[in-house]
Structure formats: C-alpha cells, structure tokens
C-alpha cells in the first residue's frame, strides 16, 4: 500500500508543472487519467502529456472521463499518443 501511495504522490508531483495553467476541474480530470494509467509501461511525463492533450481536446461540458472519451475518439487518441511519445497505444 505504501508503494502505491508513493507512486501516486510521485505522479502528482510530476503532473503539477503541466497542470499549472489548468483550472481545478481540468486538473482533476488529468489527475484521474494519470492514476487510471499508472500500470502502463510509460514514463510518468509521457502519461501526463497524453492525459493533458486528451483533456485539451475535450469540450468543457464533457461528463465522461478521459479514459471513456478516448474510446469514442480514436483519432484524437492516436494524435495525443504521438504528441506525448506514448509507445504502443
């Protein structure tokens, strides 16, 4: 459990600079996305960039999570994967 908490804390610290210009709602969605992707074999900064890119493509009134929204928008997922350096998505 301590390892899991440490991983989340580390991801949050890495995500903070990328979230500096986002509002708190965006930060929540991006943070949730980062946590949902914690088991992916990607560097934390790649996951943060990917989640930020996906969030930026979504409308402000979207109610689905980034993970749910990406399934309905494969072209955006592909674009954000490429921009973030995500391998294998």
PDB file of N, CA and C in Angstrom:
ATOM      1  N   UNK A   1       0.821  -1.198   0.000  1.00  0.00           N
ATOM      2  CA  UNK A   1       0.000   0.000   0.000  1.00  0.00           C
ATOM      3  C   UNK A   1       0.864   1.261   0.000  1.00  0.00           C
ATOM      4  N   UNK A   2       1.963   1.233   0.780  1.00  0.00           N
ATOM      5  CA  UNK A   2       2.844   2.397   0.824  1.00  0.00           C
ATOM      6  C   UNK A   2       3.445   2.661  -0.542  1.00  0.00           C
ATOM      7  N   UNK A   3       3.778   1.574  -1.263  1.00  0.00           N
ATOM      8  CA  UNK A   3       4.365   1.743  -2.593  1.00  0.00           C
ATOM      9  C   UNK A   3       3.359   2.397  -3.538  1.00  0.00           C
ATOM     10  N   UNK A   4       2.107   1.976  -3.452  1.00  0.00           N
ATOM     11  CA  UNK A   4       1.057   2.550  -4.293  1.00  0.00           C
ATOM     12  C   UNK A   4       0.884   4.041  -3.984  1.00  0.00           C
ATOM     13  N   UNK A   5       0.864   4.389  -2.723  1.00  0.00           N
ATOM     14  CA  UNK A   5       0.717   5.788  -2.316  1.00  0.00           C
ATOM     15  C   UNK A   5       1.911   6.612  -2.779  1.00  0.00           C
ATOM     16  N   UNK A   6       3.098   6.034  -2.697  1.00  0.00           N
ATOM     17  CA  UNK A   6       4.298   6.742  -3.146  1.00  0.00           C
ATOM     18  C   UNK A   6       4.257   6.976  -4.643  1.00  0.00           C
ATOM     19  N   UNK A   7       3.769   5.987  -5.395  1.00  0.00           N
ATOM     20  CA  UNK A   7       3.663   6.137  -6.848  1.00  0.00           C
ATOM     21  C   UNK A   7       2.692   7.252  -7.202  1.00  0.00           C
ATOM     22  N   UNK A   8       1.553   7.280  -6.546  1.00  0.00           N
ATOM     23  CA  UNK A   8       0.571   8.334  -6.806  1.00  0.00           C
ATOM     24  C   UNK A   8       1.139   9.700  -6.452  1.00  0.00           C
ATOM     25  N   UNK A   9       1.844   9.792  -5.344  1.00  0.00           N
ATOM     26  CA  UNK A   9       2.457  11.064  -4.951  1.00  0.00           C
ATOM     27  C   UNK A   9       3.489  11.505  -5.974  1.00  0.00           C
ATOM     28  N   UNK A  10       4.293  10.552  -6.461  1.00  0.00           N
ATOM     29  CA  UNK A  10       5.301  10.885  -7.464  1.00  0.00           C
ATOM     30  C   UNK A  10       4.643  11.374  -8.747  1.00  0.00           C
ATOM     31  N   UNK A  11       3.594  10.685  -9.194  1.00  0.00           N
ATOM     32  CA  UNK A  11       2.892  11.096 -10.408  1.00  0.00           C
ATOM     33  C   UNK A  11       2.269  12.477 -10.239  1.00  0.00           C
ATOM     34  N   UNK A  12       1.735  12.741  -9.076  1.00  0.00           N
ATOM     35  CA  UNK A  12       1.133  14.050  -8.812  1.00  0.00           C
ATOM     36  C   UNK A  12       2.183  15.154  -8.879  1.00  0.00           C
ATOM     37  N   UNK A  13       3.365  14.889  -8.340  1.00  0.00           N
ATOM     38  CA  UNK A  13       4.446  15.883  -8.382  1.00  0.00           C
ATOM     39  C   UNK A  13       4.895  16.140  -9.811  1.00  0.00           C
ATOM     40  N   UNK A  14       4.983  15.084 -10.591  1.00  0.00           N
ATOM     41  CA  UNK A  14       5.396  15.236 -11.980  1.00  0.00           C
ATOM     42  C   UNK A  14       4.326  15.939 -12.800  1.00  0.00           C
ATOM     43  N   UNK A  15       3.086  15.731 -12.450  1.00  0.00           N
ATOM     44  CA  UNK A  15       1.982  16.326 -13.200  1.00  0.00           C
ATOM     45  C   UNK A  15       1.784  17.796 -12.877  1.00  0.00           C
ATOM     46  N   UNK A  16       2.200  18.238 -11.718  1.00  0.00           N
ATOM     47  CA  UNK A  16       1.937  19.598 -11.267  1.00  0.00           C
ATOM     48  C   UNK A  16       2.395  20.676 -12.250  1.00  0.00           C
ATOM     49  N   UNK A  17       3.626  20.639 -12.796  1.00  0.00           N
ATOM     50  CA  UNK A  17       4.013  21.687 -13.741  1.00  0.00           C
ATOM     51  C   UNK A  17       3.130  21.718 -14.984  1.00  0.00           C
ATOM     52  N   UNK A  18       2.741  20.561 -15.475  1.00  0.00           N
ATOM     53  CA  UNK A  18       1.891  20.513 -16.662  1.00  0.00           C
ATOM     54  C   UNK A  18       0.498  21.052 -16.369  1.00  0.00           C
ATOM     55  N   UNK A  19       0.093  21.023 -15.126  1.00  0.00           N
ATOM     56  CA  UNK A  19      -1.242  21.457 -14.748  1.00  0.00           C
ATOM     57  C   UNK A  19      -1.289  22.899 -14.272  1.00  0.00           C
ATOM     58  N   UNK A  20      -0.163  23.562 -14.211  1.00  0.00           N
ATOM     59  CA  UNK A  20      -0.095  24.891 -13.617  1.00  0.00           C
ATOM     60  C   UNK A  20      -1.058  25.881 -14.259  1.00  0.00           C
ATOM     61  N   UNK A  21      -1.289  25.767 -15.567  1.00  0.00           N
ATOM     62  CA  UNK A  21      -2.163  26.713 -16.237  1.00  0.00           C
ATOM     63  C   UNK A  21      -3.577  26.175 -16.432  1.00  0.00           C
ATOM     64  N   UNK A  22      -3.904  25.099 -15.803  1.00  0.00           N
ATOM     65  CA  UNK A  22      -5.227  24.497 -15.928  1.00  0.00           C
ATOM     66  C   UNK A  22      -6.099  24.896 -14.744  1.00  0.00           C
ATOM     67  N   UNK A  23      -7.398  24.869 -14.949  1.00  0.00           N
ATOM     68  CA  UNK A  23      -8.276  25.121 -13.805  1.00  0.00           C
ATOM     69  C   UNK A  23      -8.405  23.847 -12.987  1.00  0.00           C
ATOM     70  N   UNK A  24      -9.031  23.937 -11.845  1.00  0.00           N
ATOM     71  CA  UNK A  24      -9.086  22.788 -10.936  1.00  0.00           C
ATOM     72  C   UNK A  24      -9.881  21.622 -11.515  1.00  0.00           C
ATOM     73  N   UNK A  25     -10.886  21.897 -12.317  1.00  0.00           N
ATOM     74  CA  UNK A  25     -11.643  20.818 -12.947  1.00  0.00           C
ATOM     75  C   UNK A  25     -10.760  20.046 -13.928  1.00  0.00           C
ATOM     76  N   UNK A  26      -9.990  20.763 -14.740  1.00  0.00           N
ATOM     77  CA  UNK A  26      -9.063  20.111 -15.660  1.00  0.00           C
ATOM     78  C   UNK A  26      -8.027  19.309 -14.886  1.00  0.00           C
ATOM     79  N   UNK A  27      -7.517  19.877 -13.817  1.00  0.00           N
ATOM     80  CA  UNK A  27      -6.513  19.189 -13.006  1.00  0.00           C
ATOM     81  C   UNK A  27      -7.075  17.887 -12.452  1.00  0.00           C
ATOM     82  N   UNK A  28      -8.331  17.896 -12.032  1.00  0.00           N
ATOM     83  CA  UNK A  28      -8.963  16.681 -11.513  1.00  0.00           C
ATOM     84  C   UNK A  28      -9.045  15.623 -12.596  1.00  0.00           C
ATOM     85  N   UNK A  29      -9.519  15.997 -13.786  1.00  0.00           N
ATOM     86  CA  UNK A  29      -9.659  15.029 -14.880  1.00  0.00           C
ATOM     87  C   UNK A  29      -8.304  14.474 -15.298  1.00  0.00           C
ATOM     88  N   UNK A  30      -7.319  15.342 -15.408  1.00  0.00           N
ATOM     89  CA  UNK A  30      -5.982  14.900 -15.807  1.00  0.00           C
ATOM     90  C   UNK A  30      -5.386  14.003 -14.726  1.00  0.00           C
ATOM     91  N   UNK A  31      -5.543  14.383 -13.461  1.00  0.00           N
ATOM     92  CA  UNK A  31      -5.047  13.558 -12.366  1.00  0.00           C
ATOM     93  C   UNK A  31      -5.687  12.180 -12.350  1.00  0.00           C
ATOM     94  N   UNK A  32      -7.010  12.138 -12.588  1.00  0.00           N
ATOM     95  CA  UNK A  32      -7.704  10.845 -12.658  1.00  0.00           C
ATOM     96  C   UNK A  32      -7.155   9.998 -13.805  1.00  0.00           C
ATOM     97  N   UNK A  33      -6.922  10.627 -14.937  1.00  0.00           N
ATOM     98  CA  UNK A  33      -6.373   9.919 -16.098  1.00  0.00           C
ATOM     99  C   UNK A  33      -4.989   9.354 -15.791  1.00  0.00           C
ATOM    100  N   UNK A  34      -4.153  10.146 -15.163  1.00  0.00           N
ATOM    101  CA  UNK A  34      -2.799   9.689 -14.794  1.00  0.00           C
ATOM    102  C   UNK A  34      -2.898   8.474 -13.875  1.00  0.00           C
ATOM    103  N   UNK A  35      -3.775   8.526 -12.897  1.00  0.00           N
ATOM    104  CA  UNK A  35      -3.944   7.400 -11.973  1.00  0.00           C
ATOM    105  C   UNK A  35      -4.488   6.176 -12.705  1.00  0.00           C
ATOM    106  N   UNK A  36      -5.454   6.381 -13.601  1.00  0.00           N
ATOM    107  CA  UNK A  36      -6.017   5.263 -14.360  1.00  0.00           C
ATOM    108  C   UNK A  36      -4.972   4.580 -15.241  1.00  0.00           C
ATOM    109  N   UNK A  37      -3.936   5.314 -15.622  1.00  0.00           N
ATOM    110  CA  UNK A  37      -2.893   4.770 -16.493  1.00  0.00           C
ATOM    111  C   UNK A  37      -1.618   4.409 -15.737  1.00  0.00           C
ATOM    112  N   UNK A  38      -1.697   4.306 -14.419  1.00  0.00           N
ATOM    113  CA  UNK A  38      -0.497   4.071 -13.600  1.00  0.00           C
ATOM    114  C   UNK A  38       0.197   2.753 -13.908  1.00  0.00           C
ATOM    115  N   UNK A  39      -0.540   1.766 -14.398  1.00  0.00           N
ATOM    116  CA  UNK A  39       0.059   0.459 -14.667  1.00  0.00           C
ATOM    117  C   UNK A  39       0.617   0.330 -16.090  1.00  0.00           C
ATOM    118  N   UNK A  40       0.456   1.370 -16.885  1.00  0.00           N
ATOM    119  CA  UNK A  40       1.006   1.343 -18.245  1.00  0.00           C
ATOM    120  C   UNK A  40       2.522   1.428 -18.174  1.00  0.00           C
ATOM    121  N   UNK A  41       3.165   0.833 -19.115  1.00  0.00           N
ATOM    122  CA  UNK A  41       4.631   0.834 -19.144  1.00  0.00           C
ATOM    123  C   UNK A  41       5.121   2.077 -19.908  1.00  0.00           C
ATOM    124  N   UNK A  42       4.828   3.234 -19.310  1.00  0.00           N
ATOM    125  CA  UNK A  42       5.191   4.526 -19.885  1.00  0.00           C
ATOM    126  C   UNK A  42       5.800   5.383 -18.791  1.00  0.00           C
ATOM    127  N   UNK A  43       6.670   6.290 -19.191  1.00  0.00           N
ATOM    128  CA  UNK A  43       7.231   7.246 -18.232  1.00  0.00           C
ATOM    129  C   UNK A  43       6.101   8.150 -17.739  1.00  0.00           C
ATOM    130  N   UNK A  44       6.202   8.587 -16.494  1.00  0.00           N
ATOM    131  CA  UNK A  44       5.168   9.426 -15.897  1.00  0.00           C
ATOM    132  C   UNK A  44       4.935  10.703 -16.699  1.00  0.00           C
ATOM    133  N   UNK A  45       5.998  11.297 -17.248  1.00  0.00           N
ATOM    134  CA  UNK A  45       5.811  12.523 -18.014  1.00  0.00           C
ATOM    135  C   UNK A  45       5.062  12.257 -19.321  1.00  0.00           C
ATOM    136  N   UNK A  46       5.247  11.077 -19.909  1.00  0.00           N
ATOM    137  CA  UNK A  46       4.528  10.716 -21.129  1.00  0.00           C
ATOM    138  C   UNK A  46       3.035  10.582 -20.822  1.00  0.00           C
ATOM    139  N   UNK A  47       2.708   9.919 -19.727  1.00  0.00           N
ATOM    140  CA  UNK A  47       1.311   9.751 -19.323  1.00  0.00           C
ATOM    141  C   UNK A  47       0.681  11.113 -19.047  1.00  0.00           C
ATOM    142  N   UNK A  48       1.393  11.977 -18.357  1.00  0.00           N
ATOM    143  CA  UNK A  48       0.875  13.315 -18.051  1.00  0.00           C
ATOM    144  C   UNK A  48       0.640  14.114 -19.327  1.00  0.00           C
ATOM    145  N   UNK A  49       1.594  14.070 -20.254  1.00  0.00           N
ATOM    146  CA  UNK A  49       1.425  14.782 -21.533  1.00  0.00           C
ATOM    147  C   UNK A  49       0.224  14.237 -22.300  1.00  0.00           C
ATOM    148  N   UNK A  50       0.090  12.911 -22.319  1.00  0.00           N
ATOM    149  CA  UNK A  50      -1.030  12.277 -23.020  1.00  0.00           C
ATOM    150  C   UNK A  50      -2.358  12.717 -22.404  1.00  0.00           C
ATOM    151  N   UNK A  51      -2.475  12.613 -21.100  1.00  0.00           N
ATOM    152  CA  UNK A  51      -3.721  12.977 -20.420  1.00  0.00           C
ATOM    153  C   UNK A  51      -4.048  14.452 -20.610  1.00  0.00           C
ATOM    154  N   UNK A  52      -3.043  15.303 -20.571  1.00  0.00           N
ATOM    155  CA  UNK A  52      -3.244  16.740 -20.779  1.00  0.00           C
ATOM    156  C   UNK A  52      -3.725  17.005 -22.202  1.00  0.00           C
ATOM    157  N   UNK A  53      -3.113  16.355 -23.166  1.00  0.00           N
ATOM    158  CA  UNK A  53      -3.522  16.506 -24.564  1.00  0.00           C
ATOM    159  C   UNK A  53      -4.973  16.066 -24.748  1.00  0.00           C
ATOM    160  N   UNK A  54      -5.321  14.904 -24.210  1.00  0.00           N
ATOM    161  CA  UNK A  54      -6.689  14.410 -24.334  1.00  0.00           C
ATOM    162  C   UNK A  54      -7.674  15.368 -23.675  1.00  0.00           C
ATOM    163  N   UNK A  55      -7.336  15.857 -22.492  1.00  0.00           N
ATOM    164  CA  UNK A  55      -8.203  16.808 -21.784  1.00  0.00           C
ATOM    165  C   UNK A  55      -8.404  18.070 -22.612  1.00  0.00           C
ATOM    166  N   UNK A  56      -7.333  18.547 -23.230  1.00  0.00           N
ATOM    167  CA  UNK A  56      -7.427  19.779 -24.017  1.00  0.00           C
ATOM    168  C   UNK A  56      -8.319  19.612 -25.250  1.00  0.00           C
ATOM    169  N   UNK A  57      -8.472  18.385 -25.732  1.00  0.00           N
ATOM    170  CA  UNK A  57      -9.305  18.124 -26.905  1.00  0.00           C
ATOM    171  C   UNK A  57     -10.789  17.993 -26.549  1.00  0.00           C
ATOM    172  N   UNK A  58     -11.066  17.771 -25.290  1.00  0.00           N
ATOM    173  CA  UNK A  58     -12.445  17.574 -24.839  1.00  0.00           C
ATOM    174  C   UNK A  58     -13.135  18.916 -24.590  1.00  0.00           C
ATOM    175  N   UNK A  59     -14.446  18.939 -24.794  1.00  0.00           N
ATOM    176  CA  UNK A  59     -15.181  20.168 -24.503  1.00  0.00           C
ATOM    177  C   UNK A  59     -15.298  20.346 -22.987  1.00  0.00           C
ATOM    178  N   UNK A  60     -15.489  21.568 -22.567  1.00  0.00           N
ATOM    179  CA  UNK A  60     -15.576  21.866 -21.141  1.00  0.00           C
ATOM    180  C   UNK A  60     -16.809  21.248 -20.476  1.00  0.00           C
ATOM    181  N   UNK A  61     -17.825  20.933 -21.266  1.00  0.00           N
ATOM    182  CA  UNK A  61     -19.032  20.358 -20.671  1.00  0.00           C
ATOM    183  C   UNK A  61     -19.082  18.829 -20.777  1.00  0.00           C
ATOM    184  N   UNK A  62     -17.982  18.214 -21.173  1.00  0.00           N
ATOM    185  CA  UNK A  62     -17.916  16.751 -21.275  1.00  0.00           C
ATOM    186  C   UNK A  62     -18.026  16.133 -19.889  1.00  0.00           C
ATOM    187  N   UNK A  63     -18.848  15.092 -19.770  1.00  0.00           N
ATOM    188  CA  UNK A  63     -19.044  14.453 -18.469  1.00  0.00           C
ATOM    189  C   UNK A  63     -18.328  13.107 -18.357  1.00  0.00           C
ATOM    190  N   UNK A  64     -17.882  12.553 -19.487  1.00  0.00           N
ATOM    191  CA  UNK A  64     -17.167  11.277 -19.436  1.00  0.00           C
ATOM    192  C   UNK A  64     -15.730  11.504 -18.990  1.00  0.00           C
ATOM    193  N   UNK A  65     -15.139  10.472 -18.404  1.00  0.00           N
ATOM    194  CA  UNK A  65     -13.723  10.554 -18.046  1.00  0.00           C
ATOM    195  C   UNK A  65     -12.900  10.564 -19.323  1.00  0.00           C
ATOM    196  N   UNK A  66     -11.645  10.947 -19.200  1.00  0.00           N
ATOM    197  CA  UNK A  66     -10.752  10.929 -20.359  1.00  0.00           C
ATOM    198  C   UNK A  66     -10.660   9.515 -20.911  1.00  0.00           C
ATOM    199  N   UNK A  67     -10.559   8.528 -20.037  1.00  0.00           N
ATOM    200  CA  UNK A  67     -10.454   7.134 -20.462  1.00  0.00           C
ATOM    201  C   UNK A  67     -11.697   6.709 -21.236  1.00  0.00           C
ATOM    202  N   UNK A  68     -12.870   7.115 -20.789  1.00  0.00           N
ATOM    203  CA  UNK A  68     -14.107   6.789 -21.506  1.00  0.00           C
ATOM    204  C   UNK A  68     -14.172   7.532 -22.839  1.00  0.00           C
ATOM    205  N   UNK A  69     -13.799   8.799 -22.817  1.00  0.00           N
ATOM    206  CA  UNK A  69     -13.890   9.646 -24.003  1.00  0.00           C
ATOM    207  C   UNK A  69     -12.932   9.185 -25.087  1.00  0.00           C
ATOM    208  N   UNK A  70     -11.748   8.723 -24.710  1.00  0.00           N
ATOM    209  CA  UNK A  70     -10.762   8.324 -25.709  1.00  0.00           C
ATOM    210  C   UNK A  70     -11.253   7.142 -26.539  1.00  0.00           C
ATOM    211  N   UNK A  71     -12.042   6.254 -25.942  1.00  0.00           N
ATOM    212  CA  UNK A  71     -12.565   5.092 -26.663  1.00  0.00           C
ATOM    213  C   UNK A  71     -13.496   5.505 -27.795  1.00  0.00           C
ATOM    214  N   UNK A  72     -14.188   6.618 -27.639  1.00  0.00           N
ATOM    215  CA  UNK A  72     -15.097   7.124 -28.661  1.00  0.00           C
ATOM    216  C   UNK A  72     -14.402   8.038 -29.660  1.00  0.00           C
ATOM    217  N   UNK A  73     -13.139   8.350 -29.409  1.00  0.00           N
ATOM    218  CA  UNK A  73     -12.396   9.293 -30.258  1.00  0.00           C
ATOM    219  C   UNK A  73     -11.006   8.753 -30.588  1.00  0.00           C
ATOM    220  N   UNK A  74     -10.945   7.651 -31.353  1.00  0.00           N
ATOM    221  CA  UNK A  74      -9.651   7.011 -31.615  1.00  0.00           C
ATOM    222  C   UNK A  74      -8.661   7.885 -32.386  1.00  0.00           C
ATOM    223  N   UNK A  75      -9.144   8.780 -33.223  1.00  0.00           N
ATOM    224  CA  UNK A  75      -8.218   9.646 -33.975  1.00  0.00           C
ATOM    225  C   UNK A  75      -7.524  10.639 -33.047  1.00  0.00           C
ATOM    226  N   UNK A  76      -8.260  11.165 -32.069  1.00  0.00           N
ATOM    227  CA  UNK A  76      -7.672  12.077 -31.092  1.00  0.00           C
ATOM    228  C   UNK A  76      -6.697  11.301 -30.204  1.00  0.00           C
ATOM    229  N   UNK A  77      -7.085  10.082 -29.820  1.00  0.00           N
ATOM    230  CA  UNK A  77      -6.208   9.238 -29.011  1.00  0.00           C
ATOM    231  C   UNK A  77      -4.888   9.001 -29.744  1.00  0.00           C
ATOM    232  N   UNK A  78      -4.975   8.722 -31.037  1.00  0.00           N
ATOM    233  CA  UNK A  78      -3.767   8.495 -31.838  1.00  0.00           C
ATOM    234  C   UNK A  78      -2.905   9.752 -31.898  1.00  0.00           C
ATOM    235  N   UNK A  79      -3.538  10.899 -32.097  1.00  0.00           N
ATOM    236  CA  UNK A  79      -2.820  12.171 -32.161  1.00  0.00           C
ATOM    237  C   UNK A  79      -2.115  12.464 -30.835  1.00  0.00           C
ATOM    238  N   UNK A  80      -2.829  12.315 -29.735  1.00  0.00           N
ATOM    239  CA  UNK A  80      -2.245  12.595 -28.420  1.00  0.00           C
ATOM    240  C   UNK A  80      -1.164  11.584 -28.066  1.00  0.00           C
ATOM    241  N   UNK A  81      -1.340  10.343 -28.471  1.00  0.00           N
ATOM    242  CA  UNK A  81      -0.312   9.333 -28.247  1.00  0.00           C
ATOM    243  C   UNK A  81       0.991   9.737 -28.940  1.00  0.00           C
ATOM    244  N   UNK A  82       0.843  10.176 -30.175  1.00  0.00           N
ATOM    245  CA  UNK A  82       2.019  10.592 -30.952  1.00  0.00           C
ATOM    246  C   UNK A  82       2.681  11.819 -30.328  1.00  0.00           C
ATOM    247  N   UNK A  83       1.875  12.820 -29.966  1.00  0.00           N
ATOM    248  CA  UNK A  83       2.418  14.050 -29.385  1.00  0.00           C
ATOM    249  C   UNK A  83       3.112  13.809 -28.058  1.00  0.00           C
ATOM    250  N   UNK A  84       2.609  12.852 -27.284  1.00  0.00           N
ATOM    251  CA  UNK A  84       3.165  12.617 -25.947  1.00  0.00           C
ATOM    252  C   UNK A  84       4.360  11.657 -25.961  1.00  0.00           C
ATOM    253  N   UNK A  85       4.522  10.921 -27.058  1.00  0.00           N
ATOM    254  CA  UNK A  85       5.597   9.933 -27.108  1.00  0.00           C
ATOM    255  C   UNK A  85       5.187   8.579 -26.558  1.00  0.00           C
ATOM    256  N   UNK A  86       3.883   8.351 -26.442  1.00  0.00           N
ATOM    257  CA  UNK A  86       3.365   7.081 -25.911  1.00  0.00           C
ATOM    258  C   UNK A  86       3.699   5.978 -26.897  1.00  0.00           C
ATOM    259  N   UNK A  87       4.282   4.927 -26.409  1.00  0.00           N
ATOM    260  CA  UNK A  87       4.642   3.784 -27.239  1.00  0.00           C
ATOM    261  C   UNK A  87       3.586   2.692 -27.098  1.00  0.00           C
ATOM    262  N   UNK A  88       3.060   2.221 -28.203  1.00  0.00           N
ATOM    263  CA  UNK A  88       2.156   1.094 -28.205  1.00  0.00           C
ATOM    264  C   UNK A  88       0.696   1.395 -27.987  1.00  0.00           C
ATOM    265  N   UNK A  89       0.289   2.654 -28.065  1.00  0.00           N
ATOM    266  CA  UNK A  89      -1.134   2.973 -27.882  1.00  0.00           C
ATOM    267  C   UNK A  89      -1.726   3.390 -29.207  1.00  0.00           C
TER     268      UNK A  89
END
